[in-house]
N, C-alpha and C. Protein backbone atom coordinates (compact mmCIF):
# COMPACT_ATOMS: atom_id res chain seq x y z
N MET A 1 -46.54 -41.35 -31.43
CA MET A 1 -46.21 -40.40 -32.46
C MET A 1 -46.95 -39.10 -32.22
N LEU A 2 -48.19 -39.24 -31.78
CA LEU A 2 -48.97 -38.05 -31.49
C LEU A 2 -48.33 -37.26 -30.35
N ALA A 3 -47.79 -37.95 -29.35
CA ALA A 3 -47.14 -37.29 -28.22
C ALA A 3 -45.91 -36.53 -28.69
N ALA A 4 -45.14 -37.11 -29.60
CA ALA A 4 -43.94 -36.44 -30.11
C ALA A 4 -44.33 -35.19 -30.87
N GLY A 5 -45.41 -35.24 -31.60
CA GLY A 5 -45.88 -34.07 -32.33
C GLY A 5 -46.31 -32.96 -31.39
N LEU A 6 -46.99 -33.31 -30.30
CA LEU A 6 -47.41 -32.30 -29.32
C LEU A 6 -46.20 -31.65 -28.65
N VAL A 7 -45.20 -32.44 -28.30
CA VAL A 7 -43.99 -31.89 -27.67
C VAL A 7 -43.32 -30.93 -28.63
N SER A 8 -43.24 -31.27 -29.90
CA SER A 8 -42.62 -30.39 -30.90
C SER A 8 -43.41 -29.10 -31.03
N LEU A 9 -44.73 -29.19 -31.03
CA LEU A 9 -45.57 -28.01 -31.17
C LEU A 9 -45.39 -27.08 -29.97
N VAL A 10 -45.32 -27.63 -28.76
CA VAL A 10 -45.13 -26.82 -27.56
C VAL A 10 -43.75 -26.16 -27.60
N ALA A 11 -42.73 -26.87 -28.02
CA ALA A 11 -41.37 -26.33 -28.09
C ALA A 11 -41.30 -25.18 -29.08
N VAL A 12 -41.97 -25.31 -30.21
CA VAL A 12 -41.96 -24.26 -31.22
C VAL A 12 -42.73 -23.04 -30.73
N ALA A 13 -43.80 -23.25 -29.99
CA ALA A 13 -44.62 -22.14 -29.52
C ALA A 13 -43.91 -21.34 -28.44
N GLY A 14 -42.99 -21.96 -27.70
CA GLY A 14 -42.26 -21.25 -26.65
C GLY A 14 -43.18 -20.92 -25.50
N CYS A 15 -42.84 -19.88 -24.79
CA CYS A 15 -43.64 -19.51 -23.63
C CYS A 15 -44.43 -18.25 -23.87
N GLY A 16 -44.53 -17.80 -25.09
CA GLY A 16 -45.34 -16.64 -25.39
C GLY A 16 -44.58 -15.33 -25.38
N VAL A 17 -43.29 -15.33 -25.12
CA VAL A 17 -42.51 -14.09 -25.12
C VAL A 17 -41.99 -13.87 -26.53
N ARG A 18 -42.25 -12.69 -27.04
CA ARG A 18 -41.82 -12.38 -28.40
C ARG A 18 -40.35 -11.98 -28.40
N PRO A 19 -39.63 -12.33 -29.43
CA PRO A 19 -38.23 -11.91 -29.52
C PRO A 19 -38.15 -10.40 -29.72
N SER A 20 -37.10 -9.79 -29.18
CA SER A 20 -36.91 -8.35 -29.34
C SER A 20 -35.43 -8.04 -29.52
N ASP A 21 -35.15 -6.82 -29.98
CA ASP A 21 -33.77 -6.37 -30.12
C ASP A 21 -33.26 -5.95 -28.74
N ALA A 22 -31.95 -5.72 -28.67
CA ALA A 22 -31.35 -5.24 -27.42
C ALA A 22 -31.92 -3.87 -27.08
N ILE A 23 -32.14 -3.64 -25.82
CA ILE A 23 -32.67 -2.36 -25.36
C ILE A 23 -31.49 -1.49 -24.94
N PRO A 24 -31.34 -0.30 -25.55
CA PRO A 24 -30.21 0.55 -25.17
C PRO A 24 -30.37 1.07 -23.74
N ALA A 25 -29.26 1.00 -22.99
CA ALA A 25 -29.30 1.44 -21.59
C ALA A 25 -28.22 2.47 -21.30
N GLY A 26 -27.55 2.98 -22.29
CA GLY A 26 -26.49 3.96 -22.06
C GLY A 26 -25.13 3.30 -22.01
N ASP A 27 -24.15 4.12 -21.73
CA ASP A 27 -22.77 3.63 -21.67
C ASP A 27 -22.54 2.83 -20.40
N PRO A 28 -21.61 1.89 -20.45
CA PRO A 28 -21.29 1.14 -19.23
C PRO A 28 -20.57 2.07 -18.25
N PRO A 29 -20.58 1.73 -16.97
CA PRO A 29 -19.89 2.55 -15.99
C PRO A 29 -18.40 2.65 -16.32
N SER A 30 -17.84 3.80 -16.08
CA SER A 30 -16.41 3.97 -16.31
C SER A 30 -15.86 4.89 -15.25
N GLY A 31 -14.54 5.02 -15.23
CA GLY A 31 -13.89 5.88 -14.25
C GLY A 31 -12.92 5.09 -13.42
N ARG A 32 -12.23 5.80 -12.57
CA ARG A 32 -11.21 5.19 -11.74
C ARG A 32 -11.85 4.40 -10.61
N VAL A 33 -11.29 3.24 -10.34
CA VAL A 33 -11.75 2.42 -9.24
C VAL A 33 -11.20 3.01 -7.95
N ALA A 34 -12.01 3.06 -6.94
CA ALA A 34 -11.56 3.62 -5.66
C ALA A 34 -10.42 2.78 -5.09
N PRO A 35 -9.42 3.43 -4.49
CA PRO A 35 -8.32 2.68 -3.88
C PRO A 35 -8.85 1.74 -2.81
N THR A 36 -8.17 0.62 -2.65
CA THR A 36 -8.63 -0.37 -1.70
C THR A 36 -7.93 -0.28 -0.36
N THR A 37 -6.87 0.48 -0.27
CA THR A 37 -6.12 0.55 0.98
C THR A 37 -5.41 1.89 1.10
N THR A 38 -4.94 2.18 2.28
CA THR A 38 -4.12 3.37 2.48
C THR A 38 -2.78 2.95 3.07
N ILE A 39 -1.78 3.74 2.79
CA ILE A 39 -0.43 3.51 3.28
C ILE A 39 -0.09 4.66 4.22
N THR A 40 0.48 4.36 5.36
CA THR A 40 0.91 5.40 6.28
C THR A 40 2.42 5.54 6.20
N LEU A 41 2.86 6.75 5.88
CA LEU A 41 4.28 7.09 5.84
C LEU A 41 4.53 8.17 6.88
N TYR A 42 5.73 8.20 7.38
CA TYR A 42 6.12 9.28 8.29
C TYR A 42 7.10 10.18 7.56
N LEU A 43 6.64 11.37 7.24
CA LEU A 43 7.47 12.37 6.58
C LEU A 43 7.85 13.43 7.60
N VAL A 44 8.63 14.41 7.16
CA VAL A 44 9.10 15.48 8.04
C VAL A 44 8.43 16.78 7.63
N LYS A 45 7.93 17.50 8.64
CA LYS A 45 7.37 18.83 8.40
C LYS A 45 7.80 19.71 9.56
N ASP A 46 8.42 20.82 9.22
CA ASP A 46 8.92 21.76 10.23
C ASP A 46 9.84 21.06 11.23
N GLY A 47 10.67 20.13 10.73
CA GLY A 47 11.64 19.46 11.59
C GLY A 47 11.09 18.38 12.50
N ARG A 48 9.82 18.00 12.30
CA ARG A 48 9.18 16.99 13.15
C ARG A 48 8.54 15.91 12.29
N LEU A 49 8.41 14.72 12.88
CA LEU A 49 7.72 13.63 12.19
C LEU A 49 6.25 13.93 12.06
N SER A 50 5.70 13.53 10.93
CA SER A 50 4.27 13.71 10.72
C SER A 50 3.75 12.54 9.89
N ALA A 51 2.70 11.90 10.38
CA ALA A 51 2.09 10.78 9.66
C ALA A 51 1.30 11.31 8.47
N VAL A 52 1.52 10.68 7.32
CA VAL A 52 0.83 11.05 6.08
C VAL A 52 0.26 9.76 5.51
N THR A 53 -0.99 9.81 5.05
CA THR A 53 -1.57 8.63 4.41
C THR A 53 -1.68 8.87 2.91
N ARG A 54 -1.44 7.81 2.18
CA ARG A 54 -1.58 7.84 0.73
C ARG A 54 -2.50 6.71 0.31
N PRO A 55 -3.35 6.95 -0.68
CA PRO A 55 -4.17 5.86 -1.20
C PRO A 55 -3.32 4.92 -2.05
N SER A 56 -3.72 3.67 -2.08
CA SER A 56 -3.02 2.69 -2.91
C SER A 56 -4.05 1.74 -3.49
N ASP A 57 -3.85 1.37 -4.74
CA ASP A 57 -4.77 0.43 -5.37
C ASP A 57 -4.32 -1.02 -5.19
N ARG A 58 -3.28 -1.21 -4.38
CA ARG A 58 -2.80 -2.57 -4.12
C ARG A 58 -2.14 -2.61 -2.75
N ALA A 59 -2.11 -3.78 -2.18
CA ALA A 59 -1.38 -3.96 -0.93
C ALA A 59 0.11 -3.89 -1.24
N MET A 60 0.87 -3.32 -0.34
CA MET A 60 2.30 -3.16 -0.57
C MET A 60 3.10 -3.95 0.46
N PHE A 61 4.25 -4.43 0.03
CA PHE A 61 5.19 -5.05 0.96
C PHE A 61 5.79 -3.95 1.83
N ARG A 62 6.24 -4.32 3.02
CA ARG A 62 6.85 -3.33 3.92
C ARG A 62 8.01 -2.61 3.24
N ALA A 63 8.85 -3.34 2.54
CA ALA A 63 10.02 -2.73 1.89
C ALA A 63 9.59 -1.71 0.83
N ASP A 64 8.49 -1.97 0.14
CA ASP A 64 7.98 -1.02 -0.86
C ASP A 64 7.52 0.27 -0.19
N THR A 65 6.91 0.14 0.97
CA THR A 65 6.46 1.32 1.71
C THR A 65 7.66 2.16 2.13
N LEU A 66 8.73 1.51 2.59
CA LEU A 66 9.94 2.24 2.98
C LEU A 66 10.60 2.89 1.78
N ALA A 67 10.52 2.24 0.62
CA ALA A 67 11.10 2.84 -0.59
C ALA A 67 10.43 4.17 -0.92
N LEU A 68 9.15 4.30 -0.57
CA LEU A 68 8.45 5.57 -0.80
C LEU A 68 9.07 6.71 0.01
N LEU A 69 9.63 6.38 1.19
CA LEU A 69 10.32 7.40 1.99
C LEU A 69 11.53 7.93 1.24
N ALA A 70 12.29 7.02 0.65
CA ALA A 70 13.50 7.42 -0.08
C ALA A 70 13.16 8.18 -1.35
N GLU A 71 11.99 7.91 -1.94
CA GLU A 71 11.57 8.65 -3.13
C GLU A 71 11.16 10.07 -2.79
N GLY A 72 10.77 10.28 -1.55
CA GLY A 72 10.39 11.62 -1.11
C GLY A 72 8.91 11.88 -1.26
N PRO A 73 8.49 13.05 -0.79
CA PRO A 73 7.07 13.39 -0.83
C PRO A 73 6.57 13.63 -2.25
N THR A 74 5.27 13.45 -2.42
CA THR A 74 4.63 13.76 -3.71
C THR A 74 4.61 15.28 -3.87
N ALA A 75 4.26 15.74 -5.05
CA ALA A 75 4.17 17.19 -5.30
C ALA A 75 3.17 17.83 -4.35
N GLY A 76 2.05 17.17 -4.13
CA GLY A 76 1.04 17.70 -3.21
C GLY A 76 1.55 17.78 -1.78
N GLU A 77 2.30 16.75 -1.37
CA GLU A 77 2.87 16.75 -0.02
C GLU A 77 3.93 17.85 0.12
N GLN A 78 4.74 18.02 -0.93
CA GLN A 78 5.74 19.09 -0.91
C GLN A 78 5.07 20.45 -0.79
N ALA A 79 3.96 20.63 -1.50
CA ALA A 79 3.23 21.90 -1.44
C ALA A 79 2.72 22.19 -0.03
N HIS A 80 2.54 21.15 0.77
CA HIS A 80 2.10 21.32 2.16
C HIS A 80 3.28 21.34 3.13
N GLY A 81 4.50 21.40 2.60
CA GLY A 81 5.68 21.55 3.45
C GLY A 81 6.34 20.27 3.93
N PHE A 82 5.97 19.12 3.36
CA PHE A 82 6.57 17.86 3.79
C PHE A 82 7.87 17.59 3.04
N THR A 83 8.83 17.00 3.76
CA THR A 83 10.11 16.59 3.18
C THR A 83 10.44 15.20 3.71
N THR A 84 11.61 14.69 3.31
CA THR A 84 12.10 13.43 3.87
C THR A 84 13.58 13.60 4.18
N ASP A 85 14.03 12.93 5.24
CA ASP A 85 15.45 12.89 5.57
C ASP A 85 16.08 11.57 5.10
N VAL A 86 15.27 10.65 4.60
CA VAL A 86 15.78 9.36 4.14
C VAL A 86 16.38 9.56 2.75
N PRO A 87 17.69 9.33 2.60
CA PRO A 87 18.33 9.56 1.31
C PRO A 87 17.95 8.48 0.29
N PRO A 88 17.91 8.84 -0.99
CA PRO A 88 17.54 7.87 -2.03
C PRO A 88 18.46 6.64 -2.03
N GLU A 89 19.73 6.83 -1.70
CA GLU A 89 20.67 5.71 -1.74
C GLU A 89 20.48 4.72 -0.59
N ALA A 90 19.59 5.02 0.35
CA ALA A 90 19.32 4.09 1.46
C ALA A 90 18.64 2.81 0.95
N GLY A 91 17.92 2.91 -0.13
CA GLY A 91 17.22 1.75 -0.69
C GLY A 91 18.13 0.99 -1.64
N PRO A 92 17.75 -0.19 -2.03
CA PRO A 92 16.52 -0.89 -1.65
C PRO A 92 16.56 -1.38 -0.21
N PHE A 93 15.38 -1.56 0.33
CA PHE A 93 15.21 -1.98 1.72
C PHE A 93 14.76 -3.43 1.76
N SER A 94 15.05 -4.08 2.87
CA SER A 94 14.41 -5.37 3.15
C SER A 94 13.95 -5.33 4.60
N VAL A 95 12.87 -6.02 4.86
CA VAL A 95 12.31 -6.04 6.21
C VAL A 95 12.10 -7.48 6.62
N THR A 96 12.61 -7.81 7.81
CA THR A 96 12.46 -9.15 8.35
C THR A 96 11.71 -9.05 9.67
N ALA A 97 10.68 -9.87 9.81
CA ALA A 97 9.92 -9.91 11.06
C ALA A 97 10.55 -10.95 11.97
N ALA A 98 10.78 -10.56 13.21
CA ALA A 98 11.32 -11.46 14.21
C ALA A 98 10.24 -11.71 15.26
N PRO A 99 10.46 -12.67 16.13
CA PRO A 99 9.45 -12.94 17.16
C PRO A 99 9.19 -11.73 18.05
N ALA A 100 8.08 -11.76 18.72
CA ALA A 100 7.69 -10.76 19.72
C ALA A 100 7.57 -9.36 19.15
N GLY A 101 7.07 -9.23 17.92
CA GLY A 101 6.79 -7.92 17.36
C GLY A 101 8.00 -7.08 17.02
N HIS A 102 9.10 -7.70 16.69
CA HIS A 102 10.32 -6.96 16.34
C HIS A 102 10.52 -7.02 14.82
N LEU A 103 10.84 -5.87 14.23
CA LEU A 103 11.14 -5.81 12.81
C LEU A 103 12.59 -5.38 12.62
N MET A 104 13.26 -5.98 11.65
CA MET A 104 14.61 -5.57 11.30
C MET A 104 14.57 -5.02 9.88
N VAL A 105 14.96 -3.75 9.73
CA VAL A 105 15.00 -3.09 8.43
C VAL A 105 16.45 -3.03 7.99
N THR A 106 16.75 -3.59 6.84
CA THR A 106 18.11 -3.56 6.30
C THR A 106 18.18 -2.56 5.16
N LEU A 107 19.17 -1.67 5.26
CA LEU A 107 19.39 -0.62 4.26
C LEU A 107 20.54 -0.98 3.35
N SER A 108 20.74 -0.18 2.32
CA SER A 108 21.88 -0.35 1.43
C SER A 108 23.02 0.58 1.81
N THR A 109 22.85 1.39 2.84
CA THR A 109 23.87 2.34 3.29
C THR A 109 24.11 2.12 4.79
N PRO A 110 25.20 2.65 5.33
CA PRO A 110 25.46 2.50 6.76
C PRO A 110 24.36 3.13 7.61
N ALA A 111 23.80 2.34 8.50
CA ALA A 111 22.70 2.82 9.34
C ALA A 111 23.15 3.96 10.25
N GLY A 112 24.39 3.91 10.71
CA GLY A 112 24.89 4.92 11.62
C GLY A 112 25.07 6.29 10.99
N GLU A 113 25.03 6.37 9.66
CA GLU A 113 25.21 7.65 8.97
C GLU A 113 23.88 8.37 8.73
N LEU A 114 22.77 7.74 9.06
CA LEU A 114 21.47 8.39 8.89
C LEU A 114 21.24 9.41 9.99
N SER A 115 20.51 10.46 9.67
CA SER A 115 20.13 11.44 10.69
C SER A 115 19.12 10.79 11.63
N ALA A 116 18.97 11.39 12.81
CA ALA A 116 17.99 10.88 13.77
C ALA A 116 16.58 10.93 13.19
N LEU A 117 16.29 11.96 12.40
CA LEU A 117 14.96 12.05 11.76
C LEU A 117 14.76 10.95 10.73
N ALA A 118 15.79 10.63 9.96
CA ALA A 118 15.68 9.57 8.96
C ALA A 118 15.42 8.23 9.64
N VAL A 119 16.14 7.95 10.73
CA VAL A 119 15.92 6.71 11.47
C VAL A 119 14.49 6.68 12.01
N ALA A 120 14.04 7.80 12.57
CA ALA A 120 12.67 7.86 13.11
C ALA A 120 11.64 7.65 12.01
N GLN A 121 11.87 8.21 10.82
CA GLN A 121 10.94 7.99 9.70
C GLN A 121 10.85 6.51 9.36
N ILE A 122 12.01 5.86 9.29
CA ILE A 122 12.04 4.43 8.95
C ILE A 122 11.38 3.61 10.05
N VAL A 123 11.71 3.89 11.31
CA VAL A 123 11.15 3.15 12.43
C VAL A 123 9.63 3.29 12.46
N CYS A 124 9.13 4.51 12.36
CA CYS A 124 7.68 4.72 12.46
C CYS A 124 6.93 4.16 11.25
N THR A 125 7.49 4.32 10.06
CA THR A 125 6.82 3.79 8.86
C THR A 125 6.80 2.27 8.90
N ALA A 126 7.91 1.65 9.30
CA ALA A 126 7.95 0.18 9.41
C ALA A 126 6.98 -0.29 10.49
N ALA A 127 6.97 0.38 11.63
CA ALA A 127 6.07 -0.01 12.73
C ALA A 127 4.61 0.12 12.32
N ALA A 128 4.30 1.09 11.48
CA ALA A 128 2.91 1.29 11.02
C ALA A 128 2.43 0.14 10.15
N THR A 129 3.37 -0.64 9.59
CA THR A 129 2.98 -1.77 8.74
C THR A 129 2.76 -3.05 9.54
N ALA A 130 3.10 -3.03 10.82
CA ALA A 130 2.96 -4.24 11.64
C ALA A 130 1.48 -4.56 11.83
N PRO A 131 1.06 -5.77 11.48
CA PRO A 131 -0.36 -6.11 11.54
C PRO A 131 -0.93 -6.17 12.96
N LYS A 132 -0.09 -6.42 13.95
CA LYS A 132 -0.59 -6.55 15.32
C LYS A 132 -0.18 -5.37 16.18
N GLY A 133 -0.16 -4.19 15.61
CA GLY A 133 0.15 -3.00 16.38
C GLY A 133 1.61 -2.63 16.31
N PRO A 134 2.00 -1.62 17.09
CA PRO A 134 3.36 -1.10 17.03
C PRO A 134 4.40 -2.17 17.31
N ALA A 135 5.51 -2.04 16.65
CA ALA A 135 6.60 -2.99 16.79
C ALA A 135 7.88 -2.25 17.08
N GLN A 136 8.82 -2.93 17.74
CA GLN A 136 10.16 -2.38 17.89
C GLN A 136 10.88 -2.62 16.57
N VAL A 137 11.70 -1.66 16.18
CA VAL A 137 12.38 -1.74 14.89
C VAL A 137 13.87 -1.50 15.09
N THR A 138 14.68 -2.35 14.47
CA THR A 138 16.13 -2.15 14.42
C THR A 138 16.48 -1.85 12.97
N VAL A 139 17.27 -0.80 12.77
CA VAL A 139 17.70 -0.40 11.43
C VAL A 139 19.15 -0.84 11.27
N VAL A 140 19.42 -1.63 10.23
CA VAL A 140 20.74 -2.22 10.00
C VAL A 140 21.21 -1.86 8.60
N GLY A 141 22.52 -1.58 8.48
CA GLY A 141 23.08 -1.32 7.16
C GLY A 141 24.58 -1.21 7.22
N ALA A 142 25.28 -1.89 6.33
CA ALA A 142 26.74 -1.85 6.22
C ALA A 142 27.43 -2.16 7.55
N GLY A 143 26.93 -3.18 8.24
CA GLY A 143 27.56 -3.60 9.48
C GLY A 143 27.25 -2.72 10.68
N GLN A 144 26.40 -1.74 10.53
CA GLN A 144 26.02 -0.86 11.64
C GLN A 144 24.54 -1.06 11.94
N SER A 145 24.18 -0.87 13.21
CA SER A 145 22.75 -0.98 13.54
C SER A 145 22.36 0.13 14.50
N VAL A 146 21.10 0.51 14.42
CA VAL A 146 20.51 1.51 15.30
C VAL A 146 19.23 0.89 15.85
N GLY A 147 19.13 0.84 17.16
CA GLY A 147 17.93 0.30 17.77
C GLY A 147 18.23 -0.95 18.56
N PRO A 148 17.19 -1.62 18.99
CA PRO A 148 15.78 -1.47 18.62
C PRO A 148 15.16 -0.21 19.21
N GLN A 149 14.21 0.32 18.45
CA GLN A 149 13.51 1.54 18.85
C GLN A 149 12.01 1.38 18.62
N ASN A 150 11.26 2.11 19.40
CA ASN A 150 9.83 2.27 19.16
C ASN A 150 9.62 3.59 18.45
N CYS A 151 8.51 3.72 17.78
CA CYS A 151 8.20 4.98 17.11
C CYS A 151 8.02 6.07 18.16
N PRO A 152 8.78 7.16 18.05
CA PRO A 152 8.66 8.22 19.06
C PRO A 152 7.40 9.07 18.90
N GLY A 153 6.71 8.93 17.76
CA GLY A 153 5.55 9.79 17.50
C GLY A 153 4.31 9.23 17.92
């Protein structure tokens, strides 16, 4: 019984640290989280292909990256003279990976009706998404195909 009383007394005494109120330390950190990845798109400037990187807060599927081409340049990119030859009606896109580093991009419009610059934008942007380096790309749409091609840039 004496031992139980001693254990209770020690438990009540604690370790000698006095209780205190919360200590104010200021506001918690806030602000935008830094993007975790960048996306490479090939836009057109002065009639030539030009690689442009955009920050992204998420990983994107290849088809989503190609959809950005059809949406066109951002206001900031436009201010720097960038355009796109990929028409909005070319999307939605699908991308299929084939053996030996070959990608097949399927459009919603006839592939043969795209300008050479539009095809090059699609080929280079799709190839930039290949995890093991440049890939050959075939662009297919409405029973027509262009390629396989490597990125000319």
